[in-house]
Amino acid sequence: RDYVDAMWRMLQVDTPDDYVIGTGETHAVSEFLELAFTRAGLDWREHVKIDPRYMRPAEVDLLLADPSKARADLGWTPTVTFPELVALMVDSDIELAAREKRARG
């Protein structure tokens, strides 16, 4: 929802420009896993294997969006928190799985 709102706001300005759309927050993959699996009633450590080959290189210190230009020019700010977004994603997947199960009989 937040991203679509940002896109709509970009289309309303007279002069096109580039904007960074993001929360300005940073989260670890493990934080996402904890929230998502807890929402599903599971312990992520029992279902996820970590392959060190896919760990982010050490030279990447921090990946963080700076949405200040979108806030200043477009009046855009994110409205959905990280935990809310994870819950929306998990709930949607659980609902989809239930519909697919019903469709199979």
C-alpha atoms as a PDB file:
ATOM      1  CA  ARG A   1       0.000   0.000   0.000  1.00  0.00           C
ATOM      2  CA  ASP A   2       2.727   2.461   0.901  1.00  0.00           C
ATOM      3  CA  TYR A   3       4.641   1.888  -2.333  1.00  0.00           C
ATOM      4  CA  VAL A   4       1.508   2.320  -4.470  1.00  0.00           C
ATOM      5  CA  ASP A   5       0.718   5.535  -2.589  1.00  0.00           C
ATOM      6  CA  ALA A   6       4.244   6.774  -3.342  1.00  0.00           C
ATOM      7  CA  MET A   7       3.876   5.906  -7.038  1.00  0.00           C
ATOM      8  CA  TRP A   8       0.562   7.763  -7.221  1.00  0.00           C
ATOM      9  CA  ARG A   9       2.122  10.816  -5.585  1.00  0.00           C
ATOM     10  CA  MET A  10       5.005  10.737  -8.075  1.00  0.00           C
ATOM     11  CA  LEU A  11       2.491  10.822 -10.911  1.00  0.00           C
ATOM     12  CA  GLN A  12       0.859  13.944  -9.481  1.00  0.00           C
ATOM     13  CA  VAL A  13       3.945  16.189  -9.697  1.00  0.00           C
ATOM     14  CA  ASP A  14       4.486  18.391 -12.740  1.00  0.00           C
ATOM     15  CA  THR A  15       8.162  17.506 -13.224  1.00  0.00           C
ATOM     16  CA  PRO A  16       9.311  13.860 -13.111  1.00  0.00           C
ATOM     17  CA  ASP A  17      12.129  13.087 -10.701  1.00  0.00           C
ATOM     18  CA  ASP A  18      13.836  10.168  -8.996  1.00  0.00           C
ATOM     19  CA  TYR A  19      12.767   9.181  -5.485  1.00  0.00           C
ATOM     20  CA  VAL A  20      13.897   6.595  -2.981  1.00  0.00           C
ATOM     21  CA  ILE A  21      10.915   4.867  -1.425  1.00  0.00           C
ATOM     22  CA  GLY A  22      11.624   3.059   1.816  1.00  0.00           C
ATOM     23  CA  THR A  23      11.091   3.221   5.547  1.00  0.00           C
ATOM     24  CA  GLY A  24      14.514   4.479   6.542  1.00  0.00           C
ATOM     25  CA  GLU A  25      14.744   1.441   8.838  1.00  0.00           C
ATOM     26  CA  THR A  26      17.030  -1.551   8.634  1.00  0.00           C
ATOM     27  CA  HIS A  27      16.138  -5.109   9.631  1.00  0.00           C
ATOM     28  CA  ALA A  28      18.079  -8.359   9.720  1.00  0.00           C
ATOM     29  CA  VAL A  29      16.837 -11.394   7.829  1.00  0.00           C
ATOM     30  CA  SER A  30      16.705 -13.186  11.186  1.00  0.00           C
ATOM     31  CA  GLU A  31      14.264 -10.526  12.448  1.00  0.00           C
ATOM     32  CA  PHE A  32      12.018 -11.179   9.450  1.00  0.00           C
ATOM     33  CA  LEU A  33      12.228 -14.923  10.048  1.00  0.00           C
ATOM     34  CA  GLU A  34      11.380 -14.535  13.727  1.00  0.00           C
ATOM     35  CA  LEU A  35       8.318 -12.396  13.018  1.00  0.00           C
ATOM     36  CA  ALA A  36       7.079 -14.480  10.080  1.00  0.00           C
ATOM     37  CA  PHE A  37       7.459 -17.893  11.639  1.00  0.00           C
ATOM     38  CA  THR A  38       6.062 -16.723  14.977  1.00  0.00           C
ATOM     39  CA  ARG A  39       3.022 -15.385  13.121  1.00  0.00           C
ATOM     40  CA  ALA A  40       2.606 -18.847  11.590  1.00  0.00           C
ATOM     41  CA  GLY A  41       3.042 -20.515  14.988  1.00  0.00           C
ATOM     42  CA  LEU A  42       6.426 -22.009  14.136  1.00  0.00           C
ATOM     43  CA  ASP A  43      10.040 -21.740  15.285  1.00  0.00           C
ATOM     44  CA  TRP A  44      12.126 -20.632  12.303  1.00  0.00           C
ATOM     45  CA  ARG A  45      15.219 -22.417  13.644  1.00  0.00           C
ATOM     46  CA  GLU A  46      13.438 -25.744  13.062  1.00  0.00           C
ATOM     47  CA  HIS A  47      12.689 -24.972   9.394  1.00  0.00           C
ATOM     48  CA  VAL A  48      15.483 -22.774   7.990  1.00  0.00           C
ATOM     49  CA  LYS A  49      19.000 -23.842   7.096  1.00  0.00           C
ATOM     50  CA  ILE A  50      21.635 -21.132   6.717  1.00  0.00           C
ATOM     51  CA  ASP A  51      24.185 -21.621   3.954  1.00  0.00           C
ATOM     52  CA  PRO A  52      27.246 -19.454   4.649  1.00  0.00           C
ATOM     53  CA  ARG A  53      27.881 -19.156   0.878  1.00  0.00           C
ATOM     54  CA  TYR A  54      24.968 -16.744   0.697  1.00  0.00           C
ATOM     55  CA  MET A  55      25.949 -14.474   3.575  1.00  0.00           C
ATOM     56  CA  ARG A  56      26.339 -10.798   2.595  1.00  0.00           C
ATOM     57  CA  PRO A  57      29.960  -9.759   1.997  1.00  0.00           C
ATOM     58  CA  ALA A  58      31.638  -7.902   4.833  1.00  0.00           C
ATOM     59  CA  GLU A  59      32.200  -4.750   2.744  1.00  0.00           C
ATOM     60  CA  VAL A  60      28.451  -3.970   2.788  1.00  0.00           C
ATOM     61  CA  ASP A  61      28.154  -2.161   6.100  1.00  0.00           C
ATOM     62  CA  LEU A  62      24.587  -0.954   5.933  1.00  0.00           C
ATOM     63  CA  LEU A  63      21.766  -0.917   3.397  1.00  0.00           C
ATOM     64  CA  LEU A  64      19.298   1.795   4.327  1.00  0.00           C
ATOM     65  CA  ALA A  65      16.834   3.811   2.249  1.00  0.00           C
ATOM     66  CA  ASP A  66      16.722   7.575   2.645  1.00  0.00           C
ATOM     67  CA  PRO A  67      13.150   8.629   1.785  1.00  0.00           C
ATOM     68  CA  SER A  68      13.662  12.254   2.867  1.00  0.00           C
ATOM     69  CA  LYS A  69      13.252  13.616  -0.685  1.00  0.00           C
ATOM     70  CA  ALA A  70       9.935  11.760  -1.129  1.00  0.00           C
ATOM     71  CA  ARG A  71       8.807  13.077   2.246  1.00  0.00           C
ATOM     72  CA  ALA A  72       9.776  16.660   1.385  1.00  0.00           C
ATOM     73  CA  ASP A  73       8.611  16.754  -2.252  1.00  0.00           C
ATOM     74  CA  LEU A  74       5.659  14.382  -2.190  1.00  0.00           C
ATOM     75  CA  GLY A  75       4.524  14.476   1.425  1.00  0.00           C
ATOM     76  CA  TRP A  76       4.961  10.686   1.476  1.00  0.00           C
ATOM     77  CA  THR A  77       5.706   8.737   4.627  1.00  0.00           C
ATOM     78  CA  PRO A  78       5.352   5.013   5.232  1.00  0.00           C
ATOM     79  CA  THR A  79       2.289   3.988   7.231  1.00  0.00           C
ATOM     80  CA  VAL A  80       2.812   0.226   7.607  1.00  0.00           C
ATOM     81  CA  THR A  81       5.364  -0.891  10.195  1.00  0.00           C
ATOM     82  CA  PHE A  82       7.771  -3.743   9.577  1.00  0.00           C
ATOM     83  CA  PRO A  83       5.930  -6.128  11.932  1.00  0.00           C
ATOM     84  CA  GLU A  84       2.610  -5.181  10.295  1.00  0.00           C
ATOM     85  CA  LEU A  85       4.041  -5.838   6.827  1.00  0.00           C
ATOM     86  CA  VAL A  86       5.363  -9.247   7.846  1.00  0.00           C
ATOM     87  CA  ALA A  87       1.976 -10.121   9.375  1.00  0.00           C
ATOM     88  CA  LEU A  88       0.170  -9.060   6.170  1.00  0.00           C
ATOM     89  CA  MET A  89       2.507 -11.206   4.079  1.00  0.00           C
ATOM     90  CA  VAL A  90       2.174 -14.300   6.285  1.00  0.00           C
ATOM     91  CA  ASP A  91      -1.597 -13.955   6.638  1.00  0.00           C
ATOM     92  CA  SER A  92      -1.928 -13.674   2.864  1.00  0.00           C
ATOM     93  CA  ASP A  93       0.169 -16.816   2.305  1.00  0.00           C
ATOM     94  CA  ILE A  94      -1.800 -18.758   4.928  1.00  0.00           C
ATOM     95  CA  GLU A  95      -5.089 -17.670   3.331  1.00  0.00           C
ATOM     96  CA  LEU A  96      -3.823 -18.660  -0.133  1.00  0.00           C
ATOM     97  CA  ALA A  97      -2.710 -22.080   1.126  1.00  0.00           C
ATOM     98  CA  ALA A  98      -6.126 -22.649   2.729  1.00  0.00           C
ATOM     99  CA  ARG A  99      -7.919 -21.717  -0.534  1.00  0.00           C
ATOM    100  CA  GLU A 100      -5.680 -24.049  -2.528  1.00  0.00           C
ATOM    101  CA  LYS A 101      -6.310 -26.862  -0.059  1.00  0.00           C
ATOM    102  CA  ARG A 102     -10.092 -26.342  -0.302  1.00  0.00           C
ATOM    103  CA  ALA A 103      -9.891 -26.300  -4.108  1.00  0.00           C
ATOM    104  CA  ARG A 104      -8.111 -29.673  -4.130  1.00  0.00           C
ATOM    105  CA  GLY A 105     -10.835 -31.126  -1.920  1.00  0.00           C
END
